[in-house]
C-alpha cells in the first residue's frame, strides 16, 4: 500500500474576523447572565411563597400582644410532647413484637389495636405538628 500526501496546498485559517466573534460571545454571556438573574429571582419568590416558617412567624408577630409567652410555652412543651409520642410508639411496637405475626389478622384484634393506639397516636402527631412550628418560629423571630 502506497499513500501520497500533497503538502503544498496547505492553507491556514485567517485571524482577521476575531472582533465579530468577541462581540457575539460577549452578547451571549450577557444573555446567560440575564437568564440566571431571572432564575434566581424566580427561585427566591418560590422559596418565600413556600416558607411555612414565615407563615408562623407572621402569626406570632400579629398576635404577640395577645399571646406574648406562646413561643416560649411551645418550646417548653415540645420535649414533653415528643417524649410522650416516643413512648406511645415504643409501646405500640412492643405490643406488635410480643404478639404473634397473626395478632392483627381478625377484625376484633385489629379494631382493639386501632382503638388502643390509633386515635391517640394520630391526635398526638397532629398536636406535635402544630406546636413544633410555633416553637421554631418563635426562636427565629427572637434571634432576628
Protein backbone atom coordinates (compact mmCIF):
# COMPACT_ATOMS: atom_id res chain seq x y z
CA UNK A 1 0.00 0.00 0.00
CA UNK A 2 1.27 3.37 -1.02
CA UNK A 3 -0.11 6.72 0.09
CA UNK A 4 0.66 10.09 -1.34
CA UNK A 5 0.36 13.35 0.61
CA UNK A 6 0.26 16.73 -1.07
CA UNK A 7 1.64 19.31 1.40
CA UNK A 8 1.87 22.24 -0.98
CA UNK A 9 -1.83 23.16 -0.77
CA UNK A 10 -1.99 23.75 2.99
CA UNK A 11 -3.95 26.89 3.90
CA UNK A 12 -4.01 28.29 7.41
CA UNK A 13 -7.15 30.00 8.75
CA UNK A 14 -7.04 33.74 8.87
CA UNK A 15 -7.37 35.57 12.18
CA UNK A 16 -8.91 38.73 10.75
CA UNK A 17 -12.54 38.24 11.95
CA UNK A 18 -11.89 37.83 15.68
CA UNK A 19 -13.62 41.09 16.67
CA UNK A 20 -17.01 39.91 15.34
CA UNK A 21 -16.77 36.66 17.35
CA UNK A 22 -15.80 38.54 20.50
CA UNK A 23 -18.85 40.79 20.42
CA UNK A 24 -21.08 37.76 19.77
CA UNK A 25 -19.51 35.97 22.72
CA UNK A 26 -19.92 38.99 24.98
CA UNK A 27 -23.59 39.29 23.98
CA UNK A 28 -24.15 35.59 24.60
CA UNK A 29 -22.56 35.83 28.05
CA UNK A 30 -24.69 38.89 28.82
CA UNK A 31 -27.85 36.96 27.87
CA UNK A 32 -26.81 33.98 30.00
CA UNK A 33 -26.26 36.31 32.94
CA UNK A 34 -29.72 37.85 32.50
CA UNK A 35 -31.35 34.41 32.39
CA UNK A 36 -29.52 33.35 35.53
CA UNK A 37 -30.63 36.52 37.32
CA UNK A 38 -34.24 35.83 36.29
CA UNK A 39 -33.95 32.25 37.53
CA UNK A 40 -32.54 33.42 40.85
CA UNK A 41 -35.37 35.92 41.27
CA UNK A 42 -37.97 33.24 40.49
CA UNK A 43 -36.32 30.79 42.90
CA UNK A 44 -36.37 33.37 45.68
CA UNK A 45 -40.06 34.09 45.02
CA UNK A 46 -40.80 30.35 45.03
CA UNK A 47 -38.98 29.84 48.34
CA UNK A 48 -40.70 32.76 50.02
CA UNK A 49 -44.10 31.53 48.84
CA UNK A 50 -43.46 28.07 50.23
CA UNK A 51 -41.85 29.07 53.53
CA UNK A 52 -44.12 27.62 56.19
CA UNK A 53 -41.98 29.16 58.91
CA UNK A 54 -42.73 32.63 57.55
CA UNK A 55 -46.45 31.97 57.97
CA UNK A 56 -45.98 31.02 61.62
CA UNK A 57 -43.63 33.97 62.23
CA UNK A 58 -46.29 36.28 60.77
CA UNK A 59 -48.90 34.66 63.03
CA UNK A 60 -46.74 35.23 66.09
CA UNK A 61 -45.96 38.82 65.17
CA UNK A 62 -49.67 39.61 64.59
CA UNK A 63 -50.67 38.17 67.95
CA UNK A 64 -47.60 38.93 70.06
CA UNK A 65 -49.54 41.41 72.23
CA UNK A 66 -52.29 38.86 72.95
CA UNK A 67 -50.01 35.81 73.36
CA UNK A 68 -46.52 37.05 74.28
CA UNK A 69 -45.50 33.79 76.02
CA UNK A 70 -46.75 31.45 73.28
CA UNK A 71 -43.41 30.72 71.55
CA UNK A 72 -41.63 30.04 74.85
CA UNK A 73 -44.50 27.89 76.10
CA UNK A 74 -44.39 25.87 72.88
CA UNK A 75 -40.62 25.38 73.24
CA UNK A 76 -41.10 24.13 76.81
CA UNK A 77 -43.95 21.81 75.80
CA UNK A 78 -42.07 20.20 72.89
CA UNK A 79 -39.87 17.82 74.94
CA UNK A 80 -42.89 16.55 76.87
CA UNK A 81 -44.91 16.02 73.71
CA UNK A 82 -42.01 14.33 71.90
CA UNK A 83 -41.31 12.04 74.84
CA UNK A 84 -44.97 11.06 75.11
CA UNK A 85 -45.13 10.43 71.36
CA UNK A 86 -41.99 8.29 71.54
CA UNK A 87 -43.36 6.28 74.49
CA UNK A 88 -46.59 5.62 72.64
CA UNK A 89 -44.76 4.41 69.54
CA UNK A 90 -42.44 2.25 71.70
CA UNK A 91 -45.48 0.73 73.42
CA UNK A 92 -47.15 0.10 70.06
CA UNK A 93 -44.10 -1.62 68.58
CA UNK A 94 -43.52 -3.66 71.74
CA UNK A 95 -47.13 -4.83 71.62
CA UNK A 96 -46.70 -5.92 68.00
CA UNK A 97 -43.38 -7.68 68.65
CA UNK A 98 -44.68 -9.61 71.66
CA UNK A 99 -47.67 -10.99 69.80
CA UNK A 100 -47.59 -13.49 67.01
CA UNK A 101 -47.44 -12.39 63.40
CA UNK A 102 -51.17 -13.15 63.11
CA UNK A 103 -52.08 -10.91 66.07
CA UNK A 104 -53.94 -8.43 63.83
CA UNK A 105 -55.43 -10.97 61.43
CA UNK A 106 -59.02 -10.94 62.69
CA UNK A 107 -61.28 -7.89 62.77
CA UNK A 108 -61.67 -7.87 66.52
CA UNK A 109 -57.90 -7.78 67.20
CA UNK A 110 -57.33 -5.12 64.58
CA UNK A 111 -60.14 -2.93 65.95
CA UNK A 112 -58.85 -3.32 69.50
CA UNK A 113 -55.33 -2.35 68.35
CA UNK A 114 -56.65 0.72 66.49
CA UNK A 115 -58.84 1.75 69.43
CA UNK A 116 -55.88 1.48 71.77
CA UNK A 117 -53.25 3.28 69.65
CA UNK A 118 -54.72 4.80 66.51
CA UNK A 119 -56.62 7.81 67.79
CA UNK A 120 -54.09 8.76 70.48
CA UNK A 121 -51.16 8.49 68.07
CA UNK A 122 -52.95 10.49 65.38
CA UNK A 123 -54.04 13.25 67.74
CA UNK A 124 -50.65 13.50 69.42
CA UNK A 125 -48.97 13.69 66.00
CA UNK A 126 -51.31 16.49 64.99
CA UNK A 127 -50.56 18.40 68.17
CA UNK A 128 -46.82 17.98 67.57
CA UNK A 129 -47.22 19.26 64.01
CA UNK A 130 -48.92 22.39 65.33
CA UNK A 131 -46.75 23.16 68.35
CA UNK A 132 -43.34 22.49 66.75
CA UNK A 133 -43.59 25.19 64.03
CA UNK A 134 -44.69 27.76 66.62
CA UNK A 135 -41.73 26.91 68.84
CA UNK A 136 -39.33 27.12 65.90
CA UNK A 137 -40.85 30.32 64.52
CA UNK A 138 -40.56 31.95 67.93
CA UNK A 139 -36.89 31.14 68.21
CA UNK A 140 -36.23 32.54 64.71
CA UNK A 141 -38.11 35.77 65.36
CA UNK A 142 -36.28 36.32 68.66
CA UNK A 143 -32.86 35.82 67.05
CA UNK A 144 -33.65 38.21 64.18
